[in-house]
Amino acid sequence: MVSGGLRAATQAIAYTPMWFVTLIKPLTMFEKLHSFFQRKGFLLADEQFEFIKALFIPKKVKKGEFLLREGEMAKYGMFVAAGCLRTYTIDNKGKEHILQFSPEDWWTGDMDSLVNQLPSQCFIDALEDSEILLFDDAALQKLNKYIPESAAMYEAALQKSLVAKNQRIISVLTATAEERYNEFLKKYPSLLQRVPQHMIASYLGVSPETLSRIRKQQSRKK
């Protein structure tokens, strides 16, 4: 028997007007970019954001689709509005080494290749169906000129990326496998259930078996 309260709630849902449902729409790629700038303290006027929008190219990519391959010249940097990308290399034995995951709100790309027009040393592909905004070096220069504060944010992002890269090298050389796993959880709290275990193991520089053992040990501690 359905209770009166449950019946009333069900009827309320059933008779929700369609105009109200259609108002609840997912954010567009550009709305997510605007939200990102707001969270970083950039209160942009409408005309400023319209200028910014014109600098980006929206693109939807399917799971497994490549955005950059080793040896290619990077044409674009990327802002991930939805989904997740990965950056990785392949050694001469054919083994993948994942350098970075890029979920929502991450900026990614081979900036050394983009800015200096050097062949890329890495691959970038989509781990999920994703929505990204592409920008080239000319667009980046225009953005920094039009909104000087963005140049400071860009420099801070580059510095953060360099620090993270150095910390990752030090971590691989000195931290235990469990310590590296805990760092992964802090850095990518949303990815544990989204990324295959063998890819997490590749990122950590351990075997899938070692990662499984670490996860089991930690589950026993809870």
N, C-alpha and C. Protein backbone atom coordinates (compact mmCIF):
# COMPACT_ATOMS: atom_id res chain seq x y z
N MET A 1 0.85 -1.20 0.00
CA MET A 1 0.00 0.00 0.00
C MET A 1 0.88 1.25 0.00
N VAL A 2 0.52 2.22 -0.83
CA VAL A 2 1.31 3.45 -0.91
C VAL A 2 0.80 4.43 0.13
N SER A 3 1.67 4.98 0.96
CA SER A 3 1.27 5.92 1.99
C SER A 3 0.78 7.21 1.35
N GLY A 4 -0.03 7.98 2.16
CA GLY A 4 -0.55 9.24 1.64
C GLY A 4 0.54 10.22 1.27
N GLY A 5 1.59 10.29 2.13
CA GLY A 5 2.69 11.23 1.86
C GLY A 5 3.43 10.88 0.59
N LEU A 6 3.69 9.57 0.39
CA LEU A 6 4.40 9.13 -0.81
C LEU A 6 3.55 9.35 -2.04
N ARG A 7 2.23 9.08 -1.91
CA ARG A 7 1.33 9.27 -3.05
C ARG A 7 1.30 10.75 -3.48
N ALA A 8 1.25 11.62 -2.48
CA ALA A 8 1.21 13.06 -2.78
C ALA A 8 2.48 13.52 -3.47
N ALA A 9 3.63 13.00 -2.97
CA ALA A 9 4.92 13.37 -3.57
C ALA A 9 5.00 12.88 -4.99
N THR A 10 4.51 11.63 -5.23
CA THR A 10 4.55 11.07 -6.57
C THR A 10 3.68 11.88 -7.53
N GLN A 11 2.50 12.27 -7.04
CA GLN A 11 1.61 13.07 -7.88
C GLN A 11 2.21 14.43 -8.19
N ALA A 12 2.90 15.00 -7.20
CA ALA A 12 3.52 16.32 -7.41
C ALA A 12 4.57 16.24 -8.50
N ILE A 13 5.35 15.14 -8.49
CA ILE A 13 6.38 14.96 -9.51
C ILE A 13 5.73 14.76 -10.87
N ALA A 14 4.65 13.92 -10.87
CA ALA A 14 3.99 13.59 -12.14
C ALA A 14 3.40 14.82 -12.80
N TYR A 15 2.94 15.77 -11.97
CA TYR A 15 2.28 16.96 -12.52
C TYR A 15 3.18 18.19 -12.54
N THR A 16 4.49 17.98 -12.41
CA THR A 16 5.42 19.11 -12.54
C THR A 16 5.34 19.66 -13.96
N PRO A 17 5.06 20.91 -14.15
CA PRO A 17 4.92 21.46 -15.51
C PRO A 17 6.22 21.36 -16.28
N MET A 18 6.12 21.06 -17.59
CA MET A 18 7.30 20.88 -18.42
C MET A 18 8.13 22.14 -18.54
N TRP A 19 7.46 23.32 -18.45
CA TRP A 19 8.24 24.56 -18.54
C TRP A 19 9.24 24.66 -17.40
N PHE A 20 8.88 24.10 -16.22
CA PHE A 20 9.79 24.16 -15.08
C PHE A 20 10.97 23.21 -15.28
N VAL A 21 10.68 22.02 -15.84
CA VAL A 21 11.73 21.03 -16.07
C VAL A 21 12.75 21.57 -17.07
N THR A 22 12.25 22.23 -18.12
CA THR A 22 13.16 22.72 -19.16
C THR A 22 14.05 23.85 -18.66
N LEU A 23 13.65 24.51 -17.57
CA LEU A 23 14.48 25.57 -17.02
C LEU A 23 15.75 25.01 -16.38
N ILE A 24 15.69 23.75 -15.96
CA ILE A 24 16.84 23.14 -15.28
C ILE A 24 17.73 22.51 -16.36
N LYS A 25 18.59 23.30 -16.94
CA LYS A 25 19.44 22.84 -18.02
C LYS A 25 20.89 22.76 -17.54
N PRO A 26 21.65 21.79 -18.07
CA PRO A 26 23.06 21.74 -17.72
C PRO A 26 23.79 22.97 -18.25
N LEU A 27 24.83 23.36 -17.55
CA LEU A 27 25.60 24.52 -17.98
C LEU A 27 26.30 24.23 -19.30
N THR A 28 26.38 25.24 -20.14
CA THR A 28 27.13 25.10 -21.38
C THR A 28 28.62 25.19 -21.09
N MET A 29 29.43 24.87 -22.09
CA MET A 29 30.88 24.94 -21.93
C MET A 29 31.33 26.34 -21.52
N PHE A 30 30.75 27.35 -22.18
CA PHE A 30 31.16 28.72 -21.89
C PHE A 30 30.66 29.17 -20.53
N GLU A 31 29.50 28.68 -20.11
CA GLU A 31 29.03 29.01 -18.76
C GLU A 31 29.95 28.41 -17.71
N LYS A 32 30.48 27.22 -17.98
CA LYS A 32 31.42 26.60 -17.05
C LYS A 32 32.73 27.38 -17.00
N LEU A 33 33.16 27.87 -18.16
CA LEU A 33 34.37 28.70 -18.20
C LEU A 33 34.15 29.99 -17.41
N HIS A 34 32.98 30.60 -17.61
CA HIS A 34 32.66 31.83 -16.88
C HIS A 34 32.65 31.58 -15.38
N SER A 35 32.07 30.45 -14.97
CA SER A 35 32.03 30.08 -13.56
C SER A 35 33.44 29.89 -13.01
N PHE A 36 34.32 29.31 -13.82
CA PHE A 36 35.71 29.11 -13.40
C PHE A 36 36.38 30.46 -13.13
N PHE A 37 36.22 31.40 -14.05
CA PHE A 37 36.81 32.72 -13.87
C PHE A 37 36.26 33.41 -12.62
N GLN A 38 34.97 33.26 -12.38
CA GLN A 38 34.36 33.86 -11.19
C GLN A 38 34.96 33.30 -9.91
N ARG A 39 35.15 31.98 -9.88
CA ARG A 39 35.72 31.36 -8.68
C ARG A 39 37.15 31.81 -8.44
N LYS A 40 37.82 32.21 -9.51
CA LYS A 40 39.20 32.70 -9.39
C LYS A 40 39.25 34.21 -9.09
N GLY A 41 38.08 34.83 -8.92
CA GLY A 41 38.03 36.23 -8.55
C GLY A 41 37.94 37.20 -9.70
N PHE A 42 37.67 36.71 -10.92
CA PHE A 42 37.54 37.58 -12.09
C PHE A 42 36.07 37.93 -12.28
N LEU A 43 35.71 39.17 -11.94
CA LEU A 43 34.34 39.63 -12.14
C LEU A 43 34.27 40.31 -13.51
N LEU A 44 33.91 39.53 -14.51
CA LEU A 44 33.98 40.00 -15.88
C LEU A 44 32.68 40.69 -16.31
N ALA A 45 32.83 41.82 -16.96
CA ALA A 45 31.68 42.47 -17.58
C ALA A 45 31.22 41.64 -18.77
N ASP A 46 29.98 41.82 -19.19
CA ASP A 46 29.43 41.01 -20.29
C ASP A 46 30.28 41.14 -21.55
N GLU A 47 30.71 42.37 -21.86
CA GLU A 47 31.48 42.56 -23.08
C GLU A 47 32.86 41.91 -22.98
N GLN A 48 33.41 41.86 -21.77
CA GLN A 48 34.70 41.19 -21.58
C GLN A 48 34.57 39.70 -21.83
N PHE A 49 33.50 39.10 -21.29
CA PHE A 49 33.36 37.66 -21.49
C PHE A 49 33.02 37.33 -22.93
N GLU A 50 32.28 38.20 -23.61
CA GLU A 50 32.00 37.97 -25.03
C GLU A 50 33.30 37.97 -25.82
N PHE A 51 34.24 38.86 -25.43
CA PHE A 51 35.55 38.88 -26.09
C PHE A 51 36.28 37.56 -25.83
N ILE A 52 36.23 37.09 -24.59
CA ILE A 52 36.91 35.84 -24.23
C ILE A 52 36.31 34.66 -24.99
N LYS A 53 34.99 34.62 -25.08
CA LYS A 53 34.32 33.51 -25.78
C LYS A 53 34.80 33.39 -27.21
N ALA A 54 35.07 34.53 -27.84
CA ALA A 54 35.48 34.52 -29.25
C ALA A 54 36.87 33.92 -29.43
N LEU A 55 37.63 33.80 -28.34
CA LEU A 55 39.00 33.27 -28.42
C LEU A 55 39.04 31.75 -28.33
N PHE A 56 37.95 31.14 -27.91
CA PHE A 56 37.92 29.69 -27.67
C PHE A 56 37.10 28.97 -28.74
N ILE A 57 37.46 27.73 -28.99
CA ILE A 57 36.74 26.88 -29.93
C ILE A 57 36.13 25.72 -29.15
N PRO A 58 34.80 25.65 -29.07
CA PRO A 58 34.18 24.54 -28.34
C PRO A 58 34.28 23.24 -29.14
N LYS A 59 34.53 22.16 -28.45
CA LYS A 59 34.68 20.86 -29.13
C LYS A 59 34.19 19.75 -28.21
N LYS A 60 33.41 18.83 -28.76
CA LYS A 60 33.00 17.64 -28.04
C LYS A 60 33.80 16.46 -28.57
N VAL A 61 34.37 15.68 -27.68
CA VAL A 61 35.19 14.54 -28.08
C VAL A 61 34.65 13.26 -27.47
N LYS A 62 34.76 12.18 -28.20
CA LYS A 62 34.31 10.88 -27.74
C LYS A 62 35.40 10.18 -26.93
N LYS A 63 34.97 9.28 -26.06
CA LYS A 63 35.91 8.48 -25.29
C LYS A 63 36.89 7.79 -26.24
N GLY A 64 38.19 7.91 -25.95
CA GLY A 64 39.22 7.29 -26.78
C GLY A 64 39.74 8.16 -27.90
N GLU A 65 39.11 9.30 -28.14
CA GLU A 65 39.53 10.19 -29.23
C GLU A 65 40.81 10.92 -28.84
N PHE A 66 41.75 11.01 -29.78
CA PHE A 66 43.02 11.68 -29.54
C PHE A 66 42.90 13.18 -29.81
N LEU A 67 43.53 13.94 -28.95
CA LEU A 67 43.65 15.38 -29.14
C LEU A 67 45.07 15.78 -29.50
N LEU A 68 46.01 14.92 -29.20
CA LEU A 68 47.42 15.16 -29.53
C LEU A 68 48.15 13.83 -29.53
N ARG A 69 49.06 13.66 -30.49
CA ARG A 69 49.88 12.45 -30.55
C ARG A 69 51.36 12.84 -30.48
N GLU A 70 52.16 11.92 -29.98
CA GLU A 70 53.61 12.15 -29.91
C GLU A 70 54.15 12.47 -31.30
N GLY A 71 55.01 13.50 -31.37
CA GLY A 71 55.60 13.89 -32.64
C GLY A 71 54.86 15.01 -33.35
N GLU A 72 53.60 15.24 -32.99
CA GLU A 72 52.83 16.32 -33.59
C GLU A 72 53.15 17.65 -32.92
N MET A 73 52.94 18.73 -33.63
CA MET A 73 53.04 20.06 -33.05
C MET A 73 51.69 20.38 -32.40
N ALA A 74 51.71 20.73 -31.15
CA ALA A 74 50.46 21.09 -30.48
C ALA A 74 49.92 22.38 -31.07
N LYS A 75 48.65 22.36 -31.47
CA LYS A 75 48.00 23.55 -32.02
C LYS A 75 47.20 24.30 -30.97
N TYR A 76 46.78 23.57 -29.93
CA TYR A 76 45.87 24.16 -28.95
C TYR A 76 46.21 23.75 -27.52
N GLY A 77 45.87 24.66 -26.59
CA GLY A 77 45.73 24.31 -25.19
C GLY A 77 44.26 24.04 -24.96
N MET A 78 43.91 23.51 -23.80
CA MET A 78 42.53 23.06 -23.58
C MET A 78 42.04 23.38 -22.17
N PHE A 79 40.78 23.78 -22.10
CA PHE A 79 40.06 23.87 -20.84
C PHE A 79 39.01 22.78 -20.85
N VAL A 80 39.02 21.93 -19.82
CA VAL A 80 38.08 20.81 -19.76
C VAL A 80 36.81 21.26 -19.05
N ALA A 81 35.73 21.37 -19.80
CA ALA A 81 34.46 21.80 -19.23
C ALA A 81 33.69 20.61 -18.65
N ALA A 82 33.86 19.44 -19.26
CA ALA A 82 33.19 18.23 -18.77
C ALA A 82 33.97 17.02 -19.25
N GLY A 83 33.93 15.95 -18.45
CA GLY A 83 34.65 14.74 -18.83
C GLY A 83 36.04 14.69 -18.22
N CYS A 84 36.92 13.93 -18.87
CA CYS A 84 38.28 13.76 -18.34
C CYS A 84 39.22 13.36 -19.46
N LEU A 85 40.38 13.99 -19.50
CA LEU A 85 41.44 13.67 -20.45
C LEU A 85 42.62 13.08 -19.70
N ARG A 86 43.51 12.43 -20.43
CA ARG A 86 44.76 11.97 -19.81
C ARG A 86 45.93 12.33 -20.72
N THR A 87 47.06 12.59 -20.12
CA THR A 87 48.30 12.87 -20.83
C THR A 87 49.28 11.76 -20.49
N TYR A 88 49.89 11.16 -21.51
CA TYR A 88 50.78 10.02 -21.23
C TYR A 88 51.87 9.89 -22.29
N THR A 89 52.86 9.10 -21.98
CA THR A 89 53.93 8.76 -22.92
C THR A 89 53.96 7.24 -23.08
N ILE A 90 54.63 6.79 -24.13
CA ILE A 90 54.81 5.35 -24.36
C ILE A 90 56.31 5.10 -24.53
N ASP A 91 56.86 4.19 -23.72
CA ASP A 91 58.30 3.94 -23.80
C ASP A 91 58.61 2.99 -24.97
N ASN A 92 59.90 2.71 -25.16
CA ASN A 92 60.31 1.91 -26.32
C ASN A 92 59.90 0.45 -26.23
N LYS A 93 59.34 0.06 -25.07
CA LYS A 93 58.81 -1.30 -24.92
C LYS A 93 57.29 -1.34 -25.09
N GLY A 94 56.73 -0.16 -25.41
CA GLY A 94 55.29 -0.09 -25.64
C GLY A 94 54.47 0.09 -24.38
N LYS A 95 55.12 0.40 -23.28
CA LYS A 95 54.40 0.57 -22.01
C LYS A 95 53.98 2.02 -21.84
N GLU A 96 52.72 2.22 -21.42
CA GLU A 96 52.21 3.56 -21.18
C GLU A 96 52.62 4.07 -19.79
N HIS A 97 52.94 5.36 -19.73
CA HIS A 97 53.24 6.02 -18.46
C HIS A 97 52.37 7.28 -18.40
N ILE A 98 51.36 7.24 -17.54
CA ILE A 98 50.42 8.37 -17.46
C ILE A 98 51.02 9.49 -16.62
N LEU A 99 51.07 10.68 -17.21
CA LEU A 99 51.67 11.84 -16.57
C LEU A 99 50.65 12.67 -15.81
N GLN A 100 49.42 12.71 -16.33
CA GLN A 100 48.42 13.60 -15.74
C GLN A 100 47.02 13.20 -16.17
N PHE A 101 46.09 13.37 -15.26
CA PHE A 101 44.66 13.31 -15.59
C PHE A 101 44.14 14.75 -15.57
N SER A 102 43.18 15.03 -16.42
CA SER A 102 42.61 16.38 -16.49
C SER A 102 41.09 16.30 -16.47
N PRO A 103 40.49 16.30 -15.28
CA PRO A 103 39.02 16.29 -15.19
C PRO A 103 38.46 17.70 -15.34
N GLU A 104 37.19 17.88 -15.02
CA GLU A 104 36.52 19.17 -15.17
C GLU A 104 37.30 20.30 -14.48
N ASP A 105 37.31 21.44 -15.13
CA ASP A 105 37.93 22.67 -14.62
C ASP A 105 39.46 22.66 -14.68
N TRP A 106 40.01 21.69 -15.37
CA TRP A 106 41.46 21.65 -15.54
C TRP A 106 41.85 22.27 -16.88
N TRP A 107 43.01 22.92 -16.87
CA TRP A 107 43.64 23.40 -18.10
C TRP A 107 44.75 22.42 -18.44
N THR A 108 44.83 22.03 -19.70
CA THR A 108 45.82 21.03 -20.06
C THR A 108 46.31 21.26 -21.48
N GLY A 109 47.23 20.42 -21.91
CA GLY A 109 47.85 20.54 -23.23
C GLY A 109 49.36 20.53 -23.08
N ASP A 110 50.05 20.34 -24.18
CA ASP A 110 51.51 20.40 -24.17
C ASP A 110 51.91 21.84 -24.47
N MET A 111 52.04 22.65 -23.42
CA MET A 111 52.29 24.07 -23.61
C MET A 111 53.68 24.34 -24.19
N ASP A 112 54.64 23.48 -23.89
CA ASP A 112 55.98 23.65 -24.46
C ASP A 112 55.92 23.50 -25.97
N SER A 113 55.18 22.51 -26.44
CA SER A 113 55.02 22.30 -27.88
C SER A 113 54.22 23.44 -28.50
N LEU A 114 53.16 23.89 -27.80
CA LEU A 114 52.29 24.95 -28.33
C LEU A 114 53.04 26.27 -28.48
N VAL A 115 53.71 26.69 -27.42
CA VAL A 115 54.34 28.00 -27.40
C VAL A 115 55.63 28.01 -28.22
N ASN A 116 56.42 26.95 -28.13
CA ASN A 116 57.74 26.93 -28.79
C ASN A 116 57.76 26.15 -30.10
N GLN A 117 56.59 25.64 -30.50
CA GLN A 117 56.45 24.90 -31.76
C GLN A 117 57.49 23.77 -31.86
N LEU A 118 57.48 22.95 -30.83
CA LEU A 118 58.33 21.76 -30.79
C LEU A 118 57.46 20.52 -30.91
N PRO A 119 57.99 19.44 -31.48
CA PRO A 119 57.21 18.20 -31.54
C PRO A 119 56.86 17.74 -30.12
N SER A 120 55.63 17.34 -29.94
CA SER A 120 55.19 16.90 -28.62
C SER A 120 55.82 15.56 -28.25
N GLN A 121 56.08 15.39 -26.98
CA GLN A 121 56.63 14.14 -26.48
C GLN A 121 55.55 13.29 -25.81
N CYS A 122 54.30 13.69 -25.94
CA CYS A 122 53.25 12.96 -25.24
C CYS A 122 52.00 12.80 -26.09
N PHE A 123 51.09 11.99 -25.58
CA PHE A 123 49.77 11.79 -26.17
C PHE A 123 48.74 12.39 -25.22
N ILE A 124 47.65 12.90 -25.78
CA ILE A 124 46.51 13.33 -24.98
C ILE A 124 45.26 12.73 -25.61
N ASP A 125 44.48 11.99 -24.82
CA ASP A 125 43.22 11.46 -25.33
C ASP A 125 42.14 11.58 -24.27
N ALA A 126 40.91 11.26 -24.67
CA ALA A 126 39.76 11.39 -23.77
C ALA A 126 39.47 10.06 -23.09
N LEU A 127 39.38 10.09 -21.77
CA LEU A 127 39.00 8.90 -21.00
C LEU A 127 37.49 8.74 -20.94
N GLU A 128 36.77 9.82 -21.17
CA GLU A 128 35.31 9.84 -21.18
C GLU A 128 34.85 10.73 -22.32
N ASP A 129 33.61 10.60 -22.74
CA ASP A 129 33.05 11.62 -23.62
C ASP A 129 33.24 12.97 -22.91
N SER A 130 33.83 13.92 -23.60
CA SER A 130 34.24 15.16 -22.93
C SER A 130 33.86 16.39 -23.74
N GLU A 131 33.77 17.51 -23.04
CA GLU A 131 33.54 18.81 -23.67
C GLU A 131 34.71 19.70 -23.31
N ILE A 132 35.36 20.25 -24.32
CA ILE A 132 36.56 21.05 -24.08
C ILE A 132 36.49 22.35 -24.88
N LEU A 133 37.23 23.33 -24.41
CA LEU A 133 37.38 24.60 -25.11
C LEU A 133 38.84 24.72 -25.52
N LEU A 134 39.07 24.88 -26.81
CA LEU A 134 40.42 24.96 -27.35
C LEU A 134 40.85 26.41 -27.51
N PHE A 135 42.14 26.67 -27.29
CA PHE A 135 42.69 28.01 -27.54
C PHE A 135 44.10 27.85 -28.09
N ASP A 136 44.46 28.71 -29.03
CA ASP A 136 45.83 28.66 -29.57
C ASP A 136 46.68 29.73 -28.90
N ASP A 137 47.95 29.79 -29.27
CA ASP A 137 48.87 30.72 -28.62
C ASP A 137 48.48 32.16 -28.90
N ALA A 138 48.01 32.45 -30.11
CA ALA A 138 47.59 33.82 -30.45
C ALA A 138 46.41 34.24 -29.57
N ALA A 139 45.48 33.32 -29.34
CA ALA A 139 44.33 33.63 -28.49
C ALA A 139 44.78 33.90 -27.06
N LEU A 140 45.75 33.13 -26.62
CA LEU A 140 46.27 33.33 -25.26
C LEU A 140 46.91 34.71 -25.12
N GLN A 141 47.66 35.14 -26.13
CA GLN A 141 48.29 36.45 -26.08
C GLN A 141 47.24 37.57 -26.09
N LYS A 142 46.19 37.40 -26.89
CA LYS A 142 45.11 38.39 -26.93
C LYS A 142 44.40 38.48 -25.58
N LEU A 143 44.16 37.32 -24.98
CA LEU A 143 43.49 37.29 -23.68
C LEU A 143 44.32 38.02 -22.63
N ASN A 144 45.61 37.76 -22.60
CA ASN A 144 46.48 38.39 -21.62
C ASN A 144 46.61 39.89 -21.84
N LYS A 145 46.51 40.32 -23.10
CA LYS A 145 46.59 41.75 -23.41
C LYS A 145 45.29 42.46 -23.06
N TYR A 146 44.16 41.82 -23.35
CA TYR A 146 42.86 42.43 -23.11
C TYR A 146 42.50 42.45 -21.63
N ILE A 147 42.87 41.37 -20.93
CA ILE A 147 42.60 41.28 -19.49
C ILE A 147 43.93 40.98 -18.80
N PRO A 148 44.69 42.02 -18.43
CA PRO A 148 46.03 41.82 -17.87
C PRO A 148 46.04 40.88 -16.67
N GLU A 149 44.95 40.86 -15.89
CA GLU A 149 44.92 39.98 -14.72
C GLU A 149 45.03 38.50 -15.12
N SER A 150 44.56 38.19 -16.33
CA SER A 150 44.61 36.80 -16.77
C SER A 150 46.05 36.36 -17.01
N ALA A 151 46.93 37.31 -17.37
CA ALA A 151 48.34 36.98 -17.55
C ALA A 151 48.95 36.49 -16.24
N ALA A 152 48.58 37.17 -15.14
CA ALA A 152 49.07 36.76 -13.83
C ALA A 152 48.55 35.37 -13.47
N MET A 153 47.26 35.12 -13.82
CA MET A 153 46.69 33.80 -13.55
C MET A 153 47.39 32.73 -14.38
N TYR A 154 47.69 33.07 -15.63
CA TYR A 154 48.38 32.12 -16.51
C TYR A 154 49.77 31.81 -15.99
N GLU A 155 50.50 32.86 -15.57
CA GLU A 155 51.83 32.64 -15.03
C GLU A 155 51.76 31.80 -13.76
N ALA A 156 50.75 32.07 -12.92
CA ALA A 156 50.58 31.29 -11.69
C ALA A 156 50.27 29.83 -12.02
N ALA A 157 49.47 29.62 -13.07
CA ALA A 157 49.13 28.26 -13.48
C ALA A 157 50.36 27.52 -13.99
N LEU A 158 51.20 28.23 -14.76
CA LEU A 158 52.44 27.61 -15.25
C LEU A 158 53.37 27.26 -14.09
N GLN A 159 53.46 28.19 -13.12
CA GLN A 159 54.30 27.95 -11.95
C GLN A 159 53.77 26.76 -11.16
N LYS A 160 52.46 26.71 -10.99
CA LYS A 160 51.84 25.60 -10.27
C LYS A 160 52.11 24.29 -10.98
N SER A 161 52.01 24.31 -12.31
CA SER A 161 52.26 23.10 -13.10
C SER A 161 53.70 22.64 -12.95
N LEU A 162 54.65 23.61 -12.95
CA LEU A 162 56.06 23.27 -12.79
C LEU A 162 56.33 22.69 -11.41
N VAL A 163 55.75 23.31 -10.39
CA VAL A 163 55.91 22.81 -9.02
C VAL A 163 55.33 21.40 -8.91
N ALA A 164 54.14 21.20 -9.49
CA ALA A 164 53.50 19.88 -9.43
C ALA A 164 54.35 18.84 -10.14
N LYS A 165 54.95 19.24 -11.28
CA LYS A 165 55.79 18.31 -12.02
C LYS A 165 57.01 17.92 -11.20
N ASN A 166 57.64 18.91 -10.55
CA ASN A 166 58.81 18.62 -9.72
C ASN A 166 58.43 17.76 -8.53
N GLN A 167 57.28 18.06 -7.92
CA GLN A 167 56.83 17.28 -6.78
C GLN A 167 56.54 15.84 -7.19
N ARG A 168 56.00 15.68 -8.37
CA ARG A 168 55.70 14.33 -8.86
C ARG A 168 56.98 13.54 -9.07
N ILE A 169 58.00 14.18 -9.63
CA ILE A 169 59.29 13.50 -9.83
C ILE A 169 59.88 13.09 -8.48
N ILE A 170 59.86 14.01 -7.53
CA ILE A 170 60.38 13.71 -6.19
C ILE A 170 59.58 12.59 -5.54
N SER A 171 58.25 12.64 -5.72
CA SER A 171 57.39 11.62 -5.12
C SER A 171 57.70 10.24 -5.69
N VAL A 172 57.87 10.15 -7.00
CA VAL A 172 58.17 8.86 -7.63
C VAL A 172 59.50 8.32 -7.12
N LEU A 173 60.44 9.23 -6.87
CA LEU A 173 61.78 8.80 -6.44
C LEU A 173 61.86 8.48 -4.96
N THR A 174 61.06 9.15 -4.14
CA THR A 174 61.25 9.03 -2.69
C THR A 174 60.05 8.51 -1.91
N ALA A 175 58.83 8.72 -2.40
CA ALA A 175 57.64 8.33 -1.63
C ALA A 175 57.33 6.85 -1.82
N THR A 176 56.68 6.27 -0.82
CA THR A 176 56.24 4.89 -0.94
C THR A 176 55.03 4.83 -1.87
N ALA A 177 54.70 3.64 -2.32
CA ALA A 177 53.55 3.47 -3.19
C ALA A 177 52.26 3.94 -2.50
N GLU A 178 52.14 3.65 -1.21
CA GLU A 178 50.95 4.06 -0.48
C GLU A 178 50.88 5.58 -0.35
N GLU A 179 52.01 6.22 -0.13
CA GLU A 179 52.04 7.68 -0.04
C GLU A 179 51.64 8.31 -1.38
N ARG A 180 52.11 7.73 -2.48
CA ARG A 180 51.74 8.24 -3.80
C ARG A 180 50.24 8.05 -4.06
N TYR A 181 49.70 6.95 -3.59
CA TYR A 181 48.26 6.71 -3.74
C TYR A 181 47.45 7.74 -2.96
N ASN A 182 47.89 8.04 -1.75
CA ASN A 182 47.19 9.04 -0.94
C ASN A 182 47.28 10.42 -1.59
N GLU A 183 48.40 10.73 -2.22
CA GLU A 183 48.53 12.00 -2.93
C GLU A 183 47.57 12.05 -4.12
N PHE A 184 47.42 10.91 -4.80
CA PHE A 184 46.47 10.83 -5.92
C PHE A 184 45.06 11.13 -5.44
N LEU A 185 44.66 10.56 -4.30
CA LEU A 185 43.31 10.77 -3.77
C LEU A 185 43.07 12.25 -3.44
N LYS A 186 44.10 12.93 -2.94
CA LYS A 186 43.96 14.34 -2.61
C LYS A 186 43.88 15.20 -3.87
N LYS A 187 44.67 14.83 -4.86
CA LYS A 187 44.74 15.63 -6.09
C LYS A 187 43.53 15.40 -6.99
N TYR A 188 43.05 14.15 -7.04
CA TYR A 188 41.96 13.78 -7.93
C TYR A 188 40.84 13.08 -7.16
N PRO A 189 40.18 13.78 -6.24
CA PRO A 189 39.16 13.12 -5.41
C PRO A 189 37.98 12.56 -6.18
N SER A 190 37.73 13.06 -7.39
CA SER A 190 36.56 12.61 -8.14
C SER A 190 36.85 11.45 -9.09
N LEU A 191 38.11 11.02 -9.18
CA LEU A 191 38.47 10.09 -10.25
C LEU A 191 38.57 8.63 -9.84
N LEU A 192 38.53 8.33 -8.57
CA LEU A 192 38.76 6.95 -8.14
C LEU A 192 37.77 5.98 -8.78
N GLN A 193 36.52 6.40 -8.92
CA GLN A 193 35.51 5.52 -9.50
C GLN A 193 35.34 5.75 -11.01
N ARG A 194 36.10 6.66 -11.58
CA ARG A 194 35.93 6.99 -13.00
C ARG A 194 37.07 6.48 -13.87
N VAL A 195 38.22 6.25 -13.26
CA VAL A 195 39.41 5.85 -14.01
C VAL A 195 39.72 4.38 -13.74
N PRO A 196 39.99 3.59 -14.78
CA PRO A 196 40.32 2.18 -14.57
C PRO A 196 41.53 2.02 -13.65
N GLN A 197 41.52 0.94 -12.87
CA GLN A 197 42.58 0.74 -11.88
C GLN A 197 43.96 0.65 -12.52
N HIS A 198 44.05 0.02 -13.70
CA HIS A 198 45.37 -0.13 -14.32
C HIS A 198 45.95 1.22 -14.75
N MET A 199 45.06 2.21 -15.03
CA MET A 199 45.55 3.55 -15.38
C MET A 199 46.02 4.29 -14.13
N ILE A 200 45.30 4.12 -13.04
CA ILE A 200 45.75 4.72 -11.78
C ILE A 200 47.10 4.14 -11.40
N ALA A 201 47.26 2.83 -11.59
CA ALA A 201 48.54 2.18 -11.29
C ALA A 201 49.64 2.75 -12.17
N SER A 202 49.34 2.97 -13.45
CA SER A 202 50.33 3.55 -14.36
C SER A 202 50.75 4.94 -13.89
N TYR A 203 49.78 5.74 -13.47
CA TYR A 203 50.07 7.08 -12.97
C TYR A 203 50.96 7.02 -11.72
N LEU A 204 50.70 6.04 -10.86
CA LEU A 204 51.46 5.91 -9.62
C LEU A 204 52.82 5.25 -9.83
N GLY A 205 52.99 4.60 -10.97
CA GLY A 205 54.25 3.90 -11.23
C GLY A 205 54.34 2.58 -10.49
N VAL A 206 53.19 1.92 -10.29
CA VAL A 206 53.16 0.61 -9.61
C VAL A 206 52.37 -0.35 -10.48
N SER A 207 52.41 -1.63 -10.12
CA SER A 207 51.63 -2.63 -10.83
C SER A 207 50.18 -2.59 -10.35
N PRO A 208 49.23 -3.04 -11.15
CA PRO A 208 47.84 -3.12 -10.70
C PRO A 208 47.69 -3.97 -9.44
N GLU A 209 48.51 -5.01 -9.32
CA GLU A 209 48.45 -5.87 -8.14
C GLU A 209 48.86 -5.11 -6.88
N THR A 210 49.89 -4.27 -7.01
CA THR A 210 50.33 -3.47 -5.86
C THR A 210 49.25 -2.47 -5.47
N LEU A 211 48.63 -1.85 -6.45
CA LEU A 211 47.56 -0.90 -6.16
C LEU A 211 46.39 -1.60 -5.47
N SER A 212 46.04 -2.79 -5.94
CA SER A 212 44.94 -3.54 -5.33
C SER A 212 45.26 -3.86 -3.88
N ARG A 213 46.51 -4.23 -3.61
CA ARG A 213 46.92 -4.55 -2.24
C ARG A 213 46.83 -3.32 -1.34
N ILE A 214 47.25 -2.16 -1.85
CA ILE A 214 47.19 -0.92 -1.07
C ILE A 214 45.74 -0.57 -0.73
N ARG A 215 44.86 -0.70 -1.72
CA ARG A 215 43.46 -0.36 -1.49
C ARG A 215 42.81 -1.30 -0.48
N LYS A 216 43.18 -2.58 -0.54
CA LYS A 216 42.63 -3.54 0.43
C LYS A 216 43.13 -3.23 1.83
N GLN A 217 44.41 -2.88 1.95
CA GLN A 217 44.99 -2.54 3.27
C GLN A 217 44.29 -1.32 3.85
N GLN A 218 44.04 -0.35 3.01
CA GLN A 218 43.39 0.89 3.51
C GLN A 218 41.93 0.64 3.88
N SER A 219 41.26 -0.24 3.14
CA SER A 219 39.85 -0.54 3.46
C SER A 219 39.74 -1.24 4.80
N ARG A 220 40.77 -2.03 5.17
CA ARG A 220 40.75 -2.72 6.46
C ARG A 220 40.95 -1.75 7.62
N LYS A 221 41.63 -0.63 7.35
CA LYS A 221 41.91 0.33 8.39
C LYS A 221 40.68 1.17 8.76
N LYS A 222 39.70 1.20 7.84
CA LYS A 222 38.53 2.06 8.08
C LYS A 222 37.56 1.41 9.05
